[in-house]
C-alpha atoms as a PDB file:
ATOM      1  CA  MET A   1      18.150   8.311 -26.049  1.00  0.00           C
ATOM      2  CA  GLU A   2      18.677   5.284 -25.095  1.00  0.00           C
ATOM      3  CA  GLY A   3      19.711   6.018 -21.491  1.00  0.00           C
ATOM      4  CA  ASN A   4      16.310   7.850 -21.385  1.00  0.00           C
ATOM      5  CA  VAL A   5      14.278   4.859 -23.036  1.00  0.00           C
ATOM      6  CA  ASP A   6      15.986   2.606 -20.165  1.00  0.00           C
ATOM      7  CA  GLU A   7      14.275   5.087 -18.046  1.00  0.00           C
ATOM      8  CA  LEU A   8      10.618   5.510 -19.458  1.00  0.00           C
ATOM      9  CA  ILE A   9      10.421   1.455 -19.451  1.00  0.00           C
ATOM     10  CA  LYS A  10      11.493   0.999 -15.879  1.00  0.00           C
ATOM     11  CA  ALA A  11       8.906   3.868 -14.750  1.00  0.00           C
ATOM     12  CA  VAL A  12       6.414   1.768 -16.318  1.00  0.00           C
ATOM     13  CA  ILE A  13       7.545  -1.271 -14.542  1.00  0.00           C
ATOM     14  CA  LEU A  14       7.945   0.198 -11.158  1.00  0.00           C
ATOM     15  CA  GLY A  15       4.037   1.876 -11.881  1.00  0.00           C
ATOM     16  CA  ILE A  16       2.836  -1.576 -12.731  1.00  0.00           C
ATOM     17  CA  ILE A  17       4.456  -3.085  -9.532  1.00  0.00           C
ATOM     18  CA  GLN A  18       3.259   0.163  -7.392  1.00  0.00           C
ATOM     19  CA  GLY A  19      -0.289  -0.095  -8.494  1.00  0.00           C
ATOM     20  CA  VAL A  20      -0.616  -4.231  -8.032  1.00  0.00           C
ATOM     21  CA  THR A  21       1.463  -4.140  -4.884  1.00  0.00           C
ATOM     22  CA  GLU A  22      -0.097  -1.295  -3.116  1.00  0.00           C
ATOM     23  CA  PHE A  23      -3.532  -2.821  -3.385  1.00  0.00           C
ATOM     24  CA  LEU A  24      -2.909  -6.850  -2.967  1.00  0.00           C
ATOM     25  CA  PRO A  25      -1.760  -7.691   0.562  1.00  0.00           C
ATOM     26  CA  VAL A  26       2.060  -8.079  -0.443  1.00  0.00           C
ATOM     27  CA  SER A  27       3.582  -4.711   0.627  1.00  0.00           C
ATOM     28  CA  SER A  28       3.851  -2.337  -2.518  1.00  0.00           C
ATOM     29  CA  THR A  29       6.954  -0.683  -0.265  1.00  0.00           C
ATOM     30  CA  ALA A  30       9.040  -3.680  -0.288  1.00  0.00           C
ATOM     31  CA  HIS A  31       8.260  -4.299  -3.658  1.00  0.00           C
ATOM     32  CA  LEU A  32       9.853  -0.357  -4.816  1.00  0.00           C
ATOM     33  CA  VAL A  33      12.513  -0.941  -2.790  1.00  0.00           C
ATOM     34  CA  ILE A  34      13.515  -4.320  -3.599  1.00  0.00           C
ATOM     35  CA  THR A  35      13.227  -4.412  -7.053  1.00  0.00           C
ATOM     36  CA  PRO A  36      15.741  -1.574  -7.965  1.00  0.00           C
ATOM     37  CA  TRP A  37      17.872  -3.459  -5.206  1.00  0.00           C
ATOM     38  CA  ILE A  38      17.677  -6.467  -7.079  1.00  0.00           C
ATOM     39  CA  PHE A  39      18.476  -4.822 -10.549  1.00  0.00           C
ATOM     40  CA  GLY A  40      20.795  -2.370  -9.705  1.00  0.00           C
ATOM     41  CA  TRP A  41      18.237   0.564 -10.796  1.00  0.00           C
ATOM     42  CA  SER A  42      18.855   4.153  -9.687  1.00  0.00           C
ATOM     43  CA  GLY A  43      18.091   8.140 -10.361  1.00  0.00           C
ATOM     44  CA  GLU A  44      15.227   9.257 -11.032  1.00  0.00           C
ATOM     45  CA  LEU A  45      13.273   6.122 -10.298  1.00  0.00           C
ATOM     46  CA  ASN A  46      14.649   6.275  -6.451  1.00  0.00           C
ATOM     47  CA  SER A  47      13.555   9.617  -6.323  1.00  0.00           C
ATOM     48  CA  LEU A  48      10.789  11.904  -4.482  1.00  0.00           C
ATOM     49  CA  SER A  49       9.556  12.677  -7.594  1.00  0.00           C
ATOM     50  CA  PHE A  50       8.782   9.209  -8.774  1.00  0.00           C
ATOM     51  CA  ASP A  51       6.990   8.721  -5.403  1.00  0.00           C
ATOM     52  CA  ILE A  52       4.607  11.671  -5.703  1.00  0.00           C
ATOM     53  CA  ALA A  53       3.798   9.728  -9.188  1.00  0.00           C
ATOM     54  CA  VAL A  54       3.079   6.312  -7.604  1.00  0.00           C
ATOM     55  CA  HIS A  55       0.849   7.236  -5.060  1.00  0.00           C
ATOM     56  CA  ILE A  56      -0.755   9.926  -7.279  1.00  0.00           C
ATOM     57  CA  GLY A  57      -1.358   7.083  -9.250  1.00  0.00           C
ATOM     58  CA  THR A  58      -2.807   4.645  -6.456  1.00  0.00           C
ATOM     59  CA  LEU A  59      -5.267   7.544  -5.263  1.00  0.00           C
ATOM     60  CA  ILE A  60      -6.511   7.553  -8.802  1.00  0.00           C
ATOM     61  CA  SER A  61      -7.288   4.271  -8.773  1.00  0.00           C
ATOM     62  CA  LEU A  62      -9.477   4.242  -5.388  1.00  0.00           C
ATOM     63  CA  LEU A  63     -11.693   7.521  -6.487  1.00  0.00           C
ATOM     64  CA  PHE A  64     -11.893   6.148  -9.656  1.00  0.00           C
ATOM     65  CA  CYS A  65     -13.322   2.508  -7.938  1.00  0.00           C
ATOM     66  CA  PHE A  66     -15.055   4.085  -5.003  1.00  0.00           C
ATOM     67  CA  TRP A  67     -16.225   7.591  -6.192  1.00  0.00           C
ATOM     68  CA  LYS A  68     -19.654   6.375  -5.430  1.00  0.00           C
ATOM     69  CA  ASP A  69     -18.344   5.334  -1.635  1.00  0.00           C
ATOM     70  CA  TRP A  70     -17.285   8.785  -0.983  1.00  0.00           C
ATOM     71  CA  ILE A  71     -20.375  10.887  -2.309  1.00  0.00           C
ATOM     72  CA  GLU A  72     -22.347   8.533  -0.214  1.00  0.00           C
ATOM     73  CA  ILE A  73     -20.158   8.927   3.203  1.00  0.00           C
ATOM     74  CA  PHE A  74     -19.854  12.687   2.156  1.00  0.00           C
ATOM     75  CA  PHE A  75     -23.589  13.731   1.963  1.00  0.00           C
ATOM     76  CA  ARG A  76     -25.439  10.917   3.727  1.00  0.00           C
ATOM     77  CA  ASP A  77     -22.999   8.468   5.677  1.00  0.00           C
ATOM     78  CA  ARG A  78     -21.874  10.740   8.727  1.00  0.00           C
ATOM     79  CA  LYS A  79     -21.105   7.942  10.963  1.00  0.00           C
ATOM     80  CA  MET A  80     -19.195   6.321   8.475  1.00  0.00           C
ATOM     81  CA  LEU A  81     -17.135   9.679   7.654  1.00  0.00           C
ATOM     82  CA  PHE A  82     -16.157   9.767  11.470  1.00  0.00           C
ATOM     83  CA  TYR A  83     -15.098   6.288  11.370  1.00  0.00           C
ATOM     84  CA  LEU A  84     -12.840   6.980   8.436  1.00  0.00           C
ATOM     85  CA  ILE A  85     -11.127  10.196  10.262  1.00  0.00           C
ATOM     86  CA  ILE A  86     -10.456   8.341  13.386  1.00  0.00           C
ATOM     87  CA  GLY A  87      -9.132   5.326  11.597  1.00  0.00           C
ATOM     88  CA  THR A  88      -7.193   7.274   9.422  1.00  0.00           C
ATOM     89  CA  ILE A  89      -5.418   9.516  12.469  1.00  0.00           C
ATOM     90  CA  PRO A  90      -2.872   7.013  13.498  1.00  0.00           C
ATOM     91  CA  ALA A  91      -1.278   6.782  10.101  1.00  0.00           C
ATOM     92  CA  GLY A  92      -1.255  10.260   9.937  1.00  0.00           C
ATOM     93  CA  VAL A  93       0.818  10.822  13.391  1.00  0.00           C
ATOM     94  CA  ALA A  94       3.036   8.086  12.956  1.00  0.00           C
ATOM     95  CA  GLY A  95       3.941   9.396   9.060  1.00  0.00           C
ATOM     96  CA  VAL A  96       4.618  12.792  10.469  1.00  0.00           C
ATOM     97  CA  ALA A  97       6.850  11.877  13.512  1.00  0.00           C
ATOM     98  CA  PHE A  98       8.145   8.747  11.943  1.00  0.00           C
ATOM     99  CA  HIS A  99       8.350   9.423   8.177  1.00  0.00           C
ATOM    100  CA  ASP A 100      12.481   9.970   8.010  1.00  0.00           C
ATOM    101  CA  LEU A 101      13.095   7.294  10.128  1.00  0.00           C
ATOM    102  CA  ILE A 102      11.778   4.742   8.005  1.00  0.00           C
ATOM    103  CA  GLU A 103      12.908   6.300   4.667  1.00  0.00           C
ATOM    104  CA  SER A 104      16.154   6.289   6.158  1.00  0.00           C
ATOM    105  CA  SER A 105      16.862   2.982   8.517  1.00  0.00           C
ATOM    106  CA  LEU A 106      13.782   0.562   7.683  1.00  0.00           C
ATOM    107  CA  ARG A 107      14.477   0.146   3.950  1.00  0.00           C
ATOM    108  CA  ASN A 108      16.363  -2.752   4.841  1.00  0.00           C
ATOM    109  CA  PRO A 109      15.868  -6.291   2.535  1.00  0.00           C
ATOM    110  CA  LEU A 110      16.256  -8.339   5.856  1.00  0.00           C
ATOM    111  CA  ILE A 111      13.841  -5.940   7.683  1.00  0.00           C
ATOM    112  CA  ILE A 112      11.376  -6.957   5.049  1.00  0.00           C
ATOM    113  CA  VAL A 113      12.050 -10.576   4.911  1.00  0.00           C
ATOM    114  CA  PHE A 114      11.276 -10.352   8.529  1.00  0.00           C
ATOM    115  CA  THR A 115       7.754  -8.798   8.235  1.00  0.00           C
ATOM    116  CA  PHE A 116       6.991 -10.550   5.193  1.00  0.00           C
ATOM    117  CA  VAL A 117       7.041 -13.250   7.055  1.00  0.00           C
ATOM    118  CA  THR A 118       5.597 -12.742  10.047  1.00  0.00           C
ATOM    119  CA  VAL A 119       2.888 -10.527   9.043  1.00  0.00           C
ATOM    120  CA  GLY A 120       2.135 -13.766   6.937  1.00  0.00           C
ATOM    121  CA  PHE A 121       1.732 -15.359   9.996  1.00  0.00           C
ATOM    122  CA  LEU A 122      -0.612 -12.802  11.005  1.00  0.00           C
ATOM    123  CA  MET A 123      -2.652 -12.993   8.110  1.00  0.00           C
ATOM    124  CA  LEU A 124      -3.131 -17.151   8.251  1.00  0.00           C
ATOM    125  CA  TYR A 125      -3.972 -16.649  11.521  1.00  0.00           C
ATOM    126  CA  ALA A 126      -6.727 -14.155  11.379  1.00  0.00           C
ATOM    127  CA  GLU A 127      -8.266 -16.266   8.548  1.00  0.00           C
ATOM    128  CA  LYS A 128      -9.043 -19.233  11.062  1.00  0.00           C
ATOM    129  CA  ALA A 129      -9.702 -17.230  13.974  1.00  0.00           C
ATOM    130  CA  GLY A 130     -12.079 -14.654  12.591  1.00  0.00           C
ATOM    131  CA  LYS A 131     -15.767 -15.492  12.281  1.00  0.00           C
ATOM    132  CA  ARG A 132     -16.281 -13.315   9.184  1.00  0.00           C
ATOM    133  CA  GLN A 133     -19.838 -12.722  10.026  1.00  0.00           C
ATOM    134  CA  ARG A 134     -20.180  -8.282  10.092  1.00  0.00           C
ATOM    135  CA  GLY A 135     -21.004  -6.203   7.055  1.00  0.00           C
ATOM    136  CA  SER A 136     -20.312  -3.017   8.969  1.00  0.00           C
ATOM    137  CA  VAL A 137     -17.952  -1.505  11.319  1.00  0.00           C
ATOM    138  CA  THR A 138     -18.068   0.007  14.753  1.00  0.00           C
ATOM    139  CA  LEU A 139     -16.140   3.161  16.247  1.00  0.00           C
ATOM    140  CA  SER A 140     -13.953   0.095  17.865  1.00  0.00           C
ATOM    141  CA  ASP A 141     -13.394  -1.886  14.737  1.00  0.00           C
ATOM    142  CA  ALA A 142     -11.747   1.652  13.072  1.00  0.00           C
ATOM    143  CA  MET A 143      -9.771   2.396  15.713  1.00  0.00           C
ATOM    144  CA  VAL A 144      -7.987  -0.968  15.891  1.00  0.00           C
ATOM    145  CA  ILE A 145      -7.696  -1.014  12.000  1.00  0.00           C
ATOM    146  CA  GLY A 146      -6.418   2.507  11.813  1.00  0.00           C
ATOM    147  CA  VAL A 147      -3.206   1.469  14.280  1.00  0.00           C
ATOM    148  CA  ALA A 148      -2.680  -1.278  11.737  1.00  0.00           C
ATOM    149  CA  GLN A 149      -3.007   1.023   9.132  1.00  0.00           C
ATOM    150  CA  ALA A 150      -0.310   2.937  10.911  1.00  0.00           C
ATOM    151  CA  ILE A 151       1.958   0.045  11.337  1.00  0.00           C
ATOM    152  CA  ALA A 152       1.792  -0.414   7.786  1.00  0.00           C
ATOM    153  CA  LEU A 153       4.437   2.326   7.336  1.00  0.00           C
ATOM    154  CA  ILE A 154       7.274  -0.690   7.941  1.00  0.00           C
ATOM    155  CA  PRO A 155       8.333  -1.607   4.712  1.00  0.00           C
ATOM    156  CA  GLY A 156       7.046  -5.207   4.221  1.00  0.00           C
ATOM    157  CA  VAL A 157       3.710  -5.064   6.082  1.00  0.00           C
ATOM    158  CA  SER A 158       1.447  -4.076   3.698  1.00  0.00           C
ATOM    159  CA  ARG A 159      -1.775  -1.548   4.269  1.00  0.00           C
ATOM    160  CA  SER A 160      -4.448  -4.170   2.571  1.00  0.00           C
ATOM    161  CA  GLY A 161      -2.232  -7.303   4.068  1.00  0.00           C
ATOM    162  CA  ILE A 162      -2.702  -5.976   7.730  1.00  0.00           C
ATOM    163  CA  THR A 163      -5.725  -3.918   7.932  1.00  0.00           C
ATOM    164  CA  ILE A 164      -7.634  -6.617   6.045  1.00  0.00           C
ATOM    165  CA  THR A 165      -6.123  -8.899   8.838  1.00  0.00           C
ATOM    166  CA  ALA A 166      -7.082  -6.780  11.633  1.00  0.00           C
ATOM    167  CA  GLY A 167     -11.077  -6.722  10.109  1.00  0.00           C
ATOM    168  CA  LEU A 168     -10.744 -10.315  10.256  1.00  0.00           C
ATOM    169  CA  PHE A 169      -9.598 -10.493  13.628  1.00  0.00           C
ATOM    170  CA  ARG A 170     -12.886  -8.287  14.728  1.00  0.00           C
ATOM    171  CA  ASP A 171     -15.025 -10.973  12.710  1.00  0.00           C
ATOM    172  CA  LEU A 172     -15.332  -8.839   9.627  1.00  0.00           C
ATOM    173  CA  LYS A 173     -16.291 -10.589   6.181  1.00  0.00           C
ATOM    174  CA  ARG A 174     -13.502 -10.730   4.301  1.00  0.00           C
ATOM    175  CA  ASP A 175     -14.556  -8.376   1.224  1.00  0.00           C
ATOM    176  CA  TYR A 176     -15.944  -5.901   3.688  1.00  0.00           C
ATOM    177  CA  ALA A 177     -12.863  -5.766   5.091  1.00  0.00           C
ATOM    178  CA  ALA A 178     -10.931  -4.933   2.198  1.00  0.00           C
ATOM    179  CA  ARG A 179     -13.163  -2.612   0.633  1.00  0.00           C
ATOM    180  CA  PHE A 180     -12.964  -0.530   4.062  1.00  0.00           C
ATOM    181  CA  SER A 181      -9.204  -1.001   4.072  1.00  0.00           C
ATOM    182  CA  PHE A 182      -9.241   0.537   0.751  1.00  0.00           C
ATOM    183  CA  LEU A 183     -11.912   3.555   1.796  1.00  0.00           C
ATOM    184  CA  LEU A 184      -8.852   4.029   4.842  1.00  0.00           C
ATOM    185  CA  SER A 185      -6.034   3.965   2.598  1.00  0.00           C
ATOM    186  CA  THR A 186      -7.232   6.798   0.262  1.00  0.00           C
ATOM    187  CA  PRO A 187      -6.577   9.972   2.822  1.00  0.00           C
ATOM    188  CA  ALA A 188      -3.452   7.772   3.973  1.00  0.00           C
ATOM    189  CA  ILE A 189      -2.012   7.773   0.294  1.00  0.00           C
ATOM    190  CA  ALA A 190      -3.595  11.530  -0.460  1.00  0.00           C
ATOM    191  CA  GLY A 191      -1.569  12.317   2.439  1.00  0.00           C
ATOM    192  CA  ALA A 192       1.472  10.687   1.473  1.00  0.00           C
ATOM    193  CA  ALA A 193       1.405  12.596  -2.178  1.00  0.00           C
ATOM    194  CA  PHE A 194       1.014  15.706  -0.093  1.00  0.00           C
ATOM    195  CA  LEU A 195       3.796  15.593   2.527  1.00  0.00           C
ATOM    196  CA  ASP A 196       5.950  14.593  -0.507  1.00  0.00           C
ATOM    197  CA  PHE A 197       4.823  16.994  -2.864  1.00  0.00           C
ATOM    198  CA  HIS A 198       5.357  19.599   0.079  1.00  0.00           C
ATOM    199  CA  LYS A 199       9.244  18.195   0.777  1.00  0.00           C
ATOM    200  CA  SER A 200       9.943  18.577  -3.274  1.00  0.00           C
ATOM    201  CA  LEU A 201       8.984  22.407  -3.391  1.00  0.00           C
ATOM    202  CA  LYS A 202      11.075  22.915  -0.333  1.00  0.00           C
ATOM    203  CA  ALA A 203      13.974  21.166  -1.540  1.00  0.00           C
ATOM    204  CA  GLY A 204      13.426  22.923  -5.307  1.00  0.00           C
ATOM    205  CA  TYR A 205      13.691  19.383  -6.782  1.00  0.00           C
ATOM    206  CA  SER A 206      13.321  19.023 -10.631  1.00  0.00           C
ATOM    207  CA  HIS A 207      11.018  16.869 -12.109  1.00  0.00           C
ATOM    208  CA  ASP A 208      11.396  14.448 -15.412  1.00  0.00           C
ATOM    209  CA  TYR A 209       7.769  14.611 -16.515  1.00  0.00           C
ATOM    210  CA  SER A 210       7.997  12.238 -19.048  1.00  0.00           C
ATOM    211  CA  ILE A 211       8.739   9.471 -15.910  1.00  0.00           C
ATOM    212  CA  PHE A 212       6.246  11.169 -13.374  1.00  0.00           C
ATOM    213  CA  ILE A 213       3.532  10.484 -16.497  1.00  0.00           C
ATOM    214  CA  LEU A 214       4.435   7.571 -17.183  1.00  0.00           C
ATOM    215  CA  GLY A 215       4.277   6.435 -12.951  1.00  0.00           C
ATOM    216  CA  VAL A 216       1.131   7.822 -12.801  1.00  0.00           C
ATOM    217  CA  ILE A 217      -0.867   6.010 -15.804  1.00  0.00           C
ATOM    218  CA  SER A 218       1.104   2.960 -15.615  1.00  0.00           C
ATOM    219  CA  ALA A 219       0.151   2.836 -11.291  1.00  0.00           C
ATOM    220  CA  THR A 220      -3.266   4.432 -12.099  1.00  0.00           C
ATOM    221  CA  ILE A 221      -4.766   1.552 -14.669  1.00  0.00           C
ATOM    222  CA  THR A 222      -3.022  -1.552 -12.340  1.00  0.00           C
ATOM    223  CA  GLY A 223      -4.282  -0.320  -9.452  1.00  0.00           C
ATOM    224  CA  ILE A 224      -7.863  -0.240 -10.961  1.00  0.00           C
ATOM    225  CA  LEU A 225      -7.422  -3.910 -12.356  1.00  0.00           C
ATOM    226  CA  ALA A 226      -5.878  -4.827  -8.927  1.00  0.00           C
ATOM    227  CA  ILE A 227      -8.634  -3.400  -6.426  1.00  0.00           C
ATOM    228  CA  LYS A 228     -11.218  -4.714  -8.464  1.00  0.00           C
ATOM    229  CA  PHE A 229      -9.518  -8.240  -8.519  1.00  0.00           C
ATOM    230  CA  LEU A 230      -8.724  -8.209  -4.726  1.00  0.00           C
ATOM    231  CA  LEU A 231     -12.836  -7.669  -3.886  1.00  0.00           C
ATOM    232  CA  SER A 232     -13.838 -10.467  -5.725  1.00  0.00           C
ATOM    233  CA  PHE A 233     -10.950 -12.762  -5.028  1.00  0.00           C
ATOM    234  CA  LEU A 234     -12.004 -12.259  -1.428  1.00  0.00           C
ATOM    235  CA  LYS A 235     -15.683 -13.122  -1.879  1.00  0.00           C
ATOM    236  CA  LYS A 236     -14.378 -16.588  -2.393  1.00  0.00           C
ATOM    237  CA  TYR A 237     -10.886 -17.449  -1.576  1.00  0.00           C
ATOM    238  CA  PRO A 238      -8.962 -16.975   1.982  1.00  0.00           C
ATOM    239  CA  LEU A 239      -5.785 -14.805   1.842  1.00  0.00           C
ATOM    240  CA  ASN A 240      -3.568 -17.795   1.939  1.00  0.00           C
ATOM    241  CA  LEU A 241      -2.197 -17.539  -1.706  1.00  0.00           C
ATOM    242  CA  PHE A 242      -0.397 -13.721  -0.723  1.00  0.00           C
ATOM    243  CA  VAL A 243       0.852 -15.506   2.483  1.00  0.00           C
ATOM    244  CA  TYR A 244       2.663 -17.948   0.158  1.00  0.00           C
ATOM    245  CA  TYR A 245       3.805 -15.669  -2.109  1.00  0.00           C
ATOM    246  CA  ARG A 246       5.223 -13.418   0.888  1.00  0.00           C
ATOM    247  CA  TRP A 247       7.178 -16.500   2.012  1.00  0.00           C
ATOM    248  CA  LEU A 248       8.749 -17.717  -1.496  1.00  0.00           C
ATOM    249  CA  LEU A 249       9.614 -13.947  -2.030  1.00  0.00           C
ATOM    250  CA  ALA A 250      11.403 -13.597   1.822  1.00  0.00           C
ATOM    251  CA  SER A 251      12.947 -16.348   1.289  1.00  0.00           C
ATOM    252  CA  VAL A 252      14.815 -14.925  -2.387  1.00  0.00           C
ATOM    253  CA  ILE A 253      15.417 -11.785  -0.906  1.00  0.00           C
ATOM    254  CA  PHE A 254      16.968 -13.736   1.705  1.00  0.00           C
ATOM    255  CA  LEU A 255      19.120 -16.051  -0.245  1.00  0.00           C
ATOM    256  CA  LEU A 256      19.840 -12.756  -2.606  1.00  0.00           C
ATOM    257  CA  TYR A 257      21.009 -10.700   0.213  1.00  0.00           C
ATOM    258  CA  PHE A 258      23.709 -13.153   1.683  1.00  0.00           C
ATOM    259  CA  LEU A 259      24.806 -14.197  -2.114  1.00  0.00           C
ATOM    260  CA  ARG A 260      25.772 -10.756  -3.061  1.00  0.00           C
END
C-alpha cells in the first residue's frame, strides 16, 4: 500500500511539472526526463501510459483556455485555420519520422544541457532583434513557427520557447506570439497523445488507472494556470527570466551528471 501511495504522489508531482513546463518556455520533456533521473524514479511513471495521461491533461488545458478561439477559427476565421494546418505539418512529419529516434537516443542529460543553453541564447537574441510590432500572422510566419515547433521535439528545446522565439524573430508582439504558439501546439499535442495511445493498444499495454487519472488532473489544473500566467507575464516582461532559469538548471544537470 505504501509503495502505491508513493507512486500516486510521484504521479501528481510529475503531472504538475508537465502542466507547468509544457507551456512555460523551459521544456516539459526535459523536466519529465530529468526529474526521474535525479530521484531514481522508475516503473509506471516512466511508461507510455503516463505519457498519454499528461498529454491529455495539457490538451484539456489548451481547450479550456482557447475554446472560444477555436470556435472562431472553425466557423469564421478560415485563414487562421489554414495557417494552423500549415504550421502543424512540420511537427507532424517529424514526429512520425523521428519519434523512436528521439525517445531512444536524444534523452541524454548532456543533450538537454546543450539545448537548454543554446535555445536560451536564441531567446535572448530574439528579444533584442525582434521589433514586436505585429498582432497577426502571415503564411510565412506560420511556416517558420511550424518548423520551430518541429525542432521542439528535441528534449530541452521547449515547444513554447522556440515557437515564441520564432515569432519574435518574425516581429510579432510577445503575447501574440505566445497565443499563436499555444493554438499551434493544440493539434500537435493531440497528435502525440493519439500516437502514444495507438502504440499502447498495439502493444496490449495495461494501465494503472489511478496513476493515469491523477496525471491527467494535475497536468490539466497546472496547465491552465501556466497558460494564463504566461500570457499575462509576456504583456509586460521579456523572456529573460526563463532564460536564466534554463541556464541555472543546465548547470545543475551538468554538475550532477559528472558527480554521479
